[in-house]
Amino acid sequence: KPSKKSKYRVIDDDGNNYEIADSVFLLEFNSADDYANLEVGKTYTVYGYWFRFPIMSWFPQIYKFE
């Protein structure tokens, strides 16, 4: 059964994939707004966690950027 959760993925200049995600533990619930506010070509400081695990299609998670 396909997931109904939206995925907001971004790629850095080195071709690495990341997912902008909500975090219950960090009380961050605005991933859709964060994704919509990203500007192509702009440099950001990102805060995240996790790692790439291709077998499970896991990507590093970004929960905040400035």
PDB file of N, CA and C in Angstrom:
ATOM      1  N   LYS A   1       0.849  -1.179   0.000  1.00  0.00           N
ATOM      2  CA  LYS A   1       0.000   0.000   0.000  1.00  0.00           C
ATOM      3  C   LYS A   1       0.897   1.245   0.000  1.00  0.00           C
ATOM      4  N   PRO A   2       0.707   2.150  -0.948  1.00  0.00           N
ATOM      5  CA  PRO A   2       1.545   3.348  -1.006  1.00  0.00           C
ATOM      6  C   PRO A   2       1.280   4.284   0.172  1.00  0.00           C
ATOM      7  N   SER A   3       2.342   4.976   0.553  1.00  0.00           N
ATOM      8  CA  SER A   3       2.241   5.951   1.639  1.00  0.00           C
ATOM      9  C   SER A   3       1.497   7.189   1.158  1.00  0.00           C
ATOM     10  N   LYS A   4       0.705   7.796   2.022  1.00  0.00           N
ATOM     11  CA  LYS A   4      -0.003   9.024   1.675  1.00  0.00           C
ATOM     12  C   LYS A   4       0.731  10.254   2.198  1.00  0.00           C
ATOM     13  N   LYS A   5       1.881  10.053   2.834  1.00  0.00           N
ATOM     14  CA  LYS A   5       2.679  11.151   3.349  1.00  0.00           C
ATOM     15  C   LYS A   5       3.473  11.786   2.208  1.00  0.00           C
ATOM     16  N   SER A   6       3.496  13.118   2.153  1.00  0.00           N
ATOM     17  CA  SER A   6       4.279  13.820   1.142  1.00  0.00           C
ATOM     18  C   SER A   6       5.756  13.778   1.505  1.00  0.00           C
ATOM     19  N   LYS A   7       6.597  13.716   0.492  1.00  0.00           N
ATOM     20  CA  LYS A   7       8.046  13.737   0.680  1.00  0.00           C
ATOM     21  C   LYS A   7       8.579  14.993   0.014  1.00  0.00           C
ATOM     22  N   TYR A   8       9.365  15.759   0.745  1.00  0.00           N
ATOM     23  CA  TYR A   8       9.964  16.988   0.223  1.00  0.00           C
ATOM     24  C   TYR A   8      11.464  16.773   0.142  1.00  0.00           C
ATOM     25  N   ARG A   9      11.957  16.466  -1.050  1.00  0.00           N
ATOM     26  CA  ARG A   9      13.364  16.137  -1.214  1.00  0.00           C
ATOM     27  C   ARG A   9      14.097  17.263  -1.939  1.00  0.00           C
ATOM     28  N   VAL A  10      15.333  17.477  -1.522  1.00  0.00           N
ATOM     29  CA  VAL A  10      16.207  18.468  -2.152  1.00  0.00           C
ATOM     30  C   VAL A  10      17.542  17.803  -2.445  1.00  0.00           C
ATOM     31  N   ILE A  11      18.277  18.365  -3.388  1.00  0.00           N
ATOM     32  CA  ILE A  11      19.582  17.841  -3.782  1.00  0.00           C
ATOM     33  C   ILE A  11      20.600  18.974  -3.654  1.00  0.00           C
ATOM     34  N   ASP A  12      21.749  18.677  -3.023  1.00  0.00           N
ATOM     35  CA  ASP A  12      22.788  19.693  -2.889  1.00  0.00           C
ATOM     36  C   ASP A  12      23.668  19.741  -4.142  1.00  0.00           C
ATOM     37  N   ASP A  13      24.648  20.631  -4.142  1.00  0.00           N
ATOM     38  CA  ASP A  13      25.521  20.804  -5.304  1.00  0.00           C
ATOM     39  C   ASP A  13      26.363  19.575  -5.610  1.00  0.00           C
ATOM     40  N   ASP A  14      26.529  18.689  -4.635  1.00  0.00           N
ATOM     41  CA  ASP A  14      27.305  17.468  -4.837  1.00  0.00           C
ATOM     42  C   ASP A  14      26.449  16.277  -5.252  1.00  0.00           C
ATOM     43  N   GLY A  15      25.152  16.505  -5.448  1.00  0.00           N
ATOM     44  CA  GLY A  15      24.259  15.435  -5.869  1.00  0.00           C
ATOM     45  C   GLY A  15      23.693  14.586  -4.738  1.00  0.00           C
ATOM     46  N   ASN A  16      23.896  15.008  -3.486  1.00  0.00           N
ATOM     47  CA  ASN A  16      23.351  14.275  -2.341  1.00  0.00           C
ATOM     48  C   ASN A  16      21.877  14.630  -2.131  1.00  0.00           C
ATOM     49  N   ASN A  17      21.066  13.631  -1.865  1.00  0.00           N
ATOM     50  CA  ASN A  17      19.636  13.823  -1.634  1.00  0.00           C
ATOM     51  C   ASN A  17      19.343  13.950  -0.145  1.00  0.00           C
ATOM     52  N   TYR A  18      18.407  14.837   0.190  1.00  0.00           N
ATOM     53  CA  TYR A  18      17.961  15.041   1.560  1.00  0.00           C
ATOM     54  C   TYR A  18      16.446  15.155   1.558  1.00  0.00           C
ATOM     55  N   GLU A  19      15.847  14.875   2.676  1.00  0.00           N
ATOM     56  CA  GLU A  19      14.403  15.012   2.820  1.00  0.00           C
ATOM     57  C   GLU A  19      14.107  16.048   3.898  1.00  0.00           C
ATOM     58  N   ILE A  20      13.305  17.046   3.552  1.00  0.00           N
ATOM     59  CA  ILE A  20      12.858  18.015   4.555  1.00  0.00           C
ATOM     60  C   ILE A  20      11.699  17.353   5.267  1.00  0.00           C
ATOM     61  N   ALA A  21      11.833  17.173   6.574  1.00  0.00           N
ATOM     62  CA  ALA A  21      10.875  16.357   7.313  1.00  0.00           C
ATOM     63  C   ALA A  21      10.419  17.025   8.603  1.00  0.00           C
ATOM     64  N   ASP A  22       9.229  16.667   9.031  1.00  0.00           N
ATOM     65  CA  ASP A  22       8.728  17.083  10.337  1.00  0.00           C
ATOM     66  C   ASP A  22       9.384  16.222  11.405  1.00  0.00           C
ATOM     67  N   SER A  23       9.460  16.756  12.623  1.00  0.00           N
ATOM     68  CA  SER A  23      10.043  16.007  13.735  1.00  0.00           C
ATOM     69  C   SER A  23       9.182  16.199  14.980  1.00  0.00           C
ATOM     70  N   VAL A  24       8.567  15.133  15.434  1.00  0.00           N
ATOM     71  CA  VAL A  24       7.753  15.180  16.646  1.00  0.00           C
ATOM     72  C   VAL A  24       8.636  15.510  17.849  1.00  0.00           C
ATOM     73  N   PHE A  25       9.812  14.902  17.909  1.00  0.00           N
ATOM     74  CA  PHE A  25      10.702  15.086  19.050  1.00  0.00           C
ATOM     75  C   PHE A  25      11.247  16.504  19.156  1.00  0.00           C
ATOM     76  N   LEU A  26      11.423  17.172  18.015  1.00  0.00           N
ATOM     77  CA  LEU A  26      11.958  18.536  18.009  1.00  0.00           C
ATOM     78  C   LEU A  26      10.863  19.584  17.851  1.00  0.00           C
ATOM     79  N   LEU A  27       9.612  19.129  17.823  1.00  0.00           N
ATOM     80  CA  LEU A  27       8.443  20.008  17.660  1.00  0.00           C
ATOM     81  C   LEU A  27       8.543  20.868  16.401  1.00  0.00           C
ATOM     82  N   GLU A  28       9.012  20.270  15.319  1.00  0.00           N
ATOM     83  CA  GLU A  28       9.090  20.920  14.011  1.00  0.00           C
ATOM     84  C   GLU A  28       8.037  20.276  13.110  1.00  0.00           C
ATOM     85  N   PHE A  29       7.030  21.068  12.699  1.00  0.00           N
ATOM     86  CA  PHE A  29       5.920  20.513  11.918  1.00  0.00           C
ATOM     87  C   PHE A  29       5.621  21.332  10.666  1.00  0.00           C
ATOM     88  N   ASN A  30       6.618  21.986  10.122  1.00  0.00           N
ATOM     89  CA  ASN A  30       6.345  22.871   8.987  1.00  0.00           C
ATOM     90  C   ASN A  30       7.157  22.516   7.745  1.00  0.00           C
ATOM     91  N   SER A  31       7.337  21.241   7.468  1.00  0.00           N
ATOM     92  CA  SER A  31       8.163  20.824   6.335  1.00  0.00           C
ATOM     93  C   SER A  31       7.624  21.328   4.995  1.00  0.00           C
ATOM     94  N   ALA A  32       6.330  21.355   4.822  1.00  0.00           N
ATOM     95  CA  ALA A  32       5.752  21.833   3.552  1.00  0.00           C
ATOM     96  C   ALA A  32       6.054  23.316   3.350  1.00  0.00           C
ATOM     97  N   ASP A  33       5.919  24.112   4.402  1.00  0.00           N
ATOM     98  CA  ASP A  33       6.229  25.536   4.307  1.00  0.00           C
ATOM     99  C   ASP A  33       7.724  25.750   4.081  1.00  0.00           C
ATOM    100  N   ASP A  34       8.554  24.989   4.784  1.00  0.00           N
ATOM    101  CA  ASP A  34      10.001  25.098   4.597  1.00  0.00           C
ATOM    102  C   ASP A  34      10.373  24.813   3.147  1.00  0.00           C
ATOM    103  N   TYR A  35       9.840  23.745   2.603  1.00  0.00           N
ATOM    104  CA  TYR A  35      10.132  23.378   1.219  1.00  0.00           C
ATOM    105  C   TYR A  35       9.692  24.487   0.255  1.00  0.00           C
ATOM    106  N   ALA A  36       8.530  25.034   0.485  1.00  0.00           N
ATOM    107  CA  ALA A  36       8.007  26.082  -0.393  1.00  0.00           C
ATOM    108  C   ALA A  36       8.843  27.360  -0.331  1.00  0.00           C
ATOM    109  N   ASN A  37       9.543  27.589   0.786  1.00  0.00           N
ATOM    110  CA  ASN A  37      10.332  28.809   0.952  1.00  0.00           C
ATOM    111  C   ASN A  37      11.781  28.682   0.489  1.00  0.00           C
ATOM    112  N   LEU A  38      12.207  27.497   0.081  1.00  0.00           N
ATOM    113  CA  LEU A  38      13.561  27.343  -0.444  1.00  0.00           C
ATOM    114  C   LEU A  38      13.708  28.086  -1.761  1.00  0.00           C
ATOM    115  N   GLU A  39      14.867  28.696  -1.963  1.00  0.00           N
ATOM    116  CA  GLU A  39      15.141  29.408  -3.204  1.00  0.00           C
ATOM    117  C   GLU A  39      16.309  28.731  -3.918  1.00  0.00           C
ATOM    118  N   VAL A  40      16.125  28.401  -5.180  1.00  0.00           N
ATOM    119  CA  VAL A  40      17.176  27.763  -5.975  1.00  0.00           C
ATOM    120  C   VAL A  40      18.373  28.702  -6.071  1.00  0.00           C
ATOM    121  N   GLY A  41      19.561  28.153  -5.843  1.00  0.00           N
ATOM    122  CA  GLY A  41      20.786  28.922  -5.952  1.00  0.00           C
ATOM    123  C   GLY A  41      21.214  29.621  -4.676  1.00  0.00           C
ATOM    124  N   LYS A  42      20.350  29.668  -3.687  1.00  0.00           N
ATOM    125  CA  LYS A  42      20.679  30.310  -2.413  1.00  0.00           C
ATOM    126  C   LYS A  42      21.393  29.305  -1.512  1.00  0.00           C
ATOM    127  N   THR A  43      22.321  29.790  -0.678  1.00  0.00           N
ATOM    128  CA  THR A  43      23.060  28.943   0.252  1.00  0.00           C
ATOM    129  C   THR A  43      22.384  28.960   1.610  1.00  0.00           C
ATOM    130  N   TYR A  44      22.263  27.783   2.222  1.00  0.00           N
ATOM    131  CA  TYR A  44      21.593  27.644   3.515  1.00  0.00           C
ATOM    132  C   TYR A  44      22.474  26.885   4.499  1.00  0.00           C
ATOM    133  N   THR A  45      22.294  27.189   5.773  1.00  0.00           N
ATOM    134  CA  THR A  45      22.820  26.355   6.848  1.00  0.00           C
ATOM    135  C   THR A  45      21.681  25.431   7.232  1.00  0.00           C
ATOM    136  N   VAL A  46      21.937  24.128   7.200  1.00  0.00           N
ATOM    137  CA  VAL A  46      20.869  23.167   7.490  1.00  0.00           C
ATOM    138  C   VAL A  46      21.152  22.411   8.775  1.00  0.00           C
ATOM    139  N   TYR A  47      20.078  21.998   9.430  1.00  0.00           N
ATOM    140  CA  TYR A  47      20.153  21.197  10.642  1.00  0.00           C
ATOM    141  C   TYR A  47      19.408  19.904  10.367  1.00  0.00           C
ATOM    142  N   GLY A  48      20.033  18.812  10.662  1.00  0.00           N
ATOM    143  CA  GLY A  48      19.397  17.550  10.352  1.00  0.00           C
ATOM    144  C   GLY A  48      20.006  16.383  11.096  1.00  0.00           C
ATOM    145  N   TYR A  49      19.606  15.218  10.683  1.00  0.00           N
ATOM    146  CA  TYR A  49      20.057  13.980  11.305  1.00  0.00           C
ATOM    147  C   TYR A  49      19.834  12.828  10.334  1.00  0.00           C
ATOM    148  N   TRP A  50      20.315  11.693  10.687  1.00  0.00           N
ATOM    149  CA  TRP A  50      20.136  10.446   9.972  1.00  0.00           C
ATOM    150  C   TRP A  50      21.207  10.270   8.924  1.00  0.00           C
ATOM    151  N   PHE A  51      21.043   9.334   8.051  1.00  0.00           N
ATOM    152  CA  PHE A  51      22.031   8.980   7.046  1.00  0.00           C
ATOM    153  C   PHE A  51      21.312   8.353   5.856  1.00  0.00           C
ATOM    154  N   ARG A  52      22.043   8.155   4.786  1.00  0.00           N
ATOM    155  CA  ARG A  52      21.483   7.530   3.581  1.00  0.00           C
ATOM    156  C   ARG A  52      21.559   6.024   3.739  1.00  0.00           C
ATOM    157  N   PHE A  53      20.423   5.357   3.551  1.00  0.00           N
ATOM    158  CA  PHE A  53      20.346   3.901   3.624  1.00  0.00           C
ATOM    159  C   PHE A  53      19.528   3.445   2.422  1.00  0.00           C
ATOM    160  N   PRO A  54      20.182   3.235   1.267  1.00  0.00           N
ATOM    161  CA  PRO A  54      19.484   2.973   0.004  1.00  0.00           C
ATOM    162  C   PRO A  54      18.522   1.799   0.022  1.00  0.00           C
ATOM    163  N   ILE A  55      18.843   0.727   0.713  1.00  0.00           N
ATOM    164  CA  ILE A  55      17.977  -0.457   0.709  1.00  0.00           C
ATOM    165  C   ILE A  55      16.582  -0.128   1.234  1.00  0.00           C
ATOM    166  N   MET A  56      16.505   0.767   2.212  1.00  0.00           N
ATOM    167  CA  MET A  56      15.219   1.159   2.800  1.00  0.00           C
ATOM    168  C   MET A  56      14.698   2.485   2.242  1.00  0.00           C
ATOM    169  N   SER A  57      15.404   3.070   1.274  1.00  0.00           N
ATOM    170  CA  SER A  57      15.063   4.382   0.703  1.00  0.00           C
ATOM    171  C   SER A  57      15.021   5.473   1.771  1.00  0.00           C
ATOM    172  N   TRP A  58      15.943   5.401   2.712  1.00  0.00           N
ATOM    173  CA  TRP A  58      16.061   6.436   3.745  1.00  0.00           C
ATOM    174  C   TRP A  58      17.048   7.491   3.283  1.00  0.00           C
ATOM    175  N   PHE A  59      16.723   8.737   3.579  1.00  0.00           N
ATOM    176  CA  PHE A  59      17.583   9.859   3.239  1.00  0.00           C
ATOM    177  C   PHE A  59      17.876  10.651   4.499  1.00  0.00           C
ATOM    178  N   PRO A  60      19.011  11.378   4.532  1.00  0.00           N
ATOM    179  CA  PRO A  60      19.246  12.271   5.664  1.00  0.00           C
ATOM    180  C   PRO A  60      18.069  13.250   5.783  1.00  0.00           C
ATOM    181  N   GLN A  61      17.686  13.568   7.004  1.00  0.00           N
ATOM    182  CA  GLN A  61      16.530  14.419   7.264  1.00  0.00           C
ATOM    183  C   GLN A  61      16.959  15.841   7.622  1.00  0.00           C
ATOM    184  N   ILE A  62      16.358  16.826   6.997  1.00  0.00           N
ATOM    185  CA  ILE A  62      16.557  18.234   7.352  1.00  0.00           C
ATOM    186  C   ILE A  62      15.314  18.664   8.113  1.00  0.00           C
ATOM    187  N   TYR A  63      15.492  19.180   9.324  1.00  0.00           N
ATOM    188  CA  TYR A  63      14.337  19.651  10.082  1.00  0.00           C
ATOM    189  C   TYR A  63      14.305  21.173  10.213  1.00  0.00           C
ATOM    190  N   LYS A  64      15.409  21.853   9.833  1.00  0.00           N
ATOM    191  CA  LYS A  64      15.450  23.306   9.939  1.00  0.00           C
ATOM    192  C   LYS A  64      16.566  23.829   9.038  1.00  0.00           C
ATOM    193  N   PHE A  65      16.380  25.032   8.482  1.00  0.00           N
ATOM    194  CA  PHE A  65      17.452  25.669   7.719  1.00  0.00           C
ATOM    195  C   PHE A  65      17.372  27.163   7.892  1.00  0.00           C
ATOM    196  N   GLU A  66      18.521  27.804   7.692  1.00  0.00           N
ATOM    197  CA  GLU A  66      18.603  29.280   7.807  1.00  0.00           C
ATOM    198  C   GLU A  66      19.332  29.826   6.607  1.00  0.00           C
TER     199      GLU A  66
END
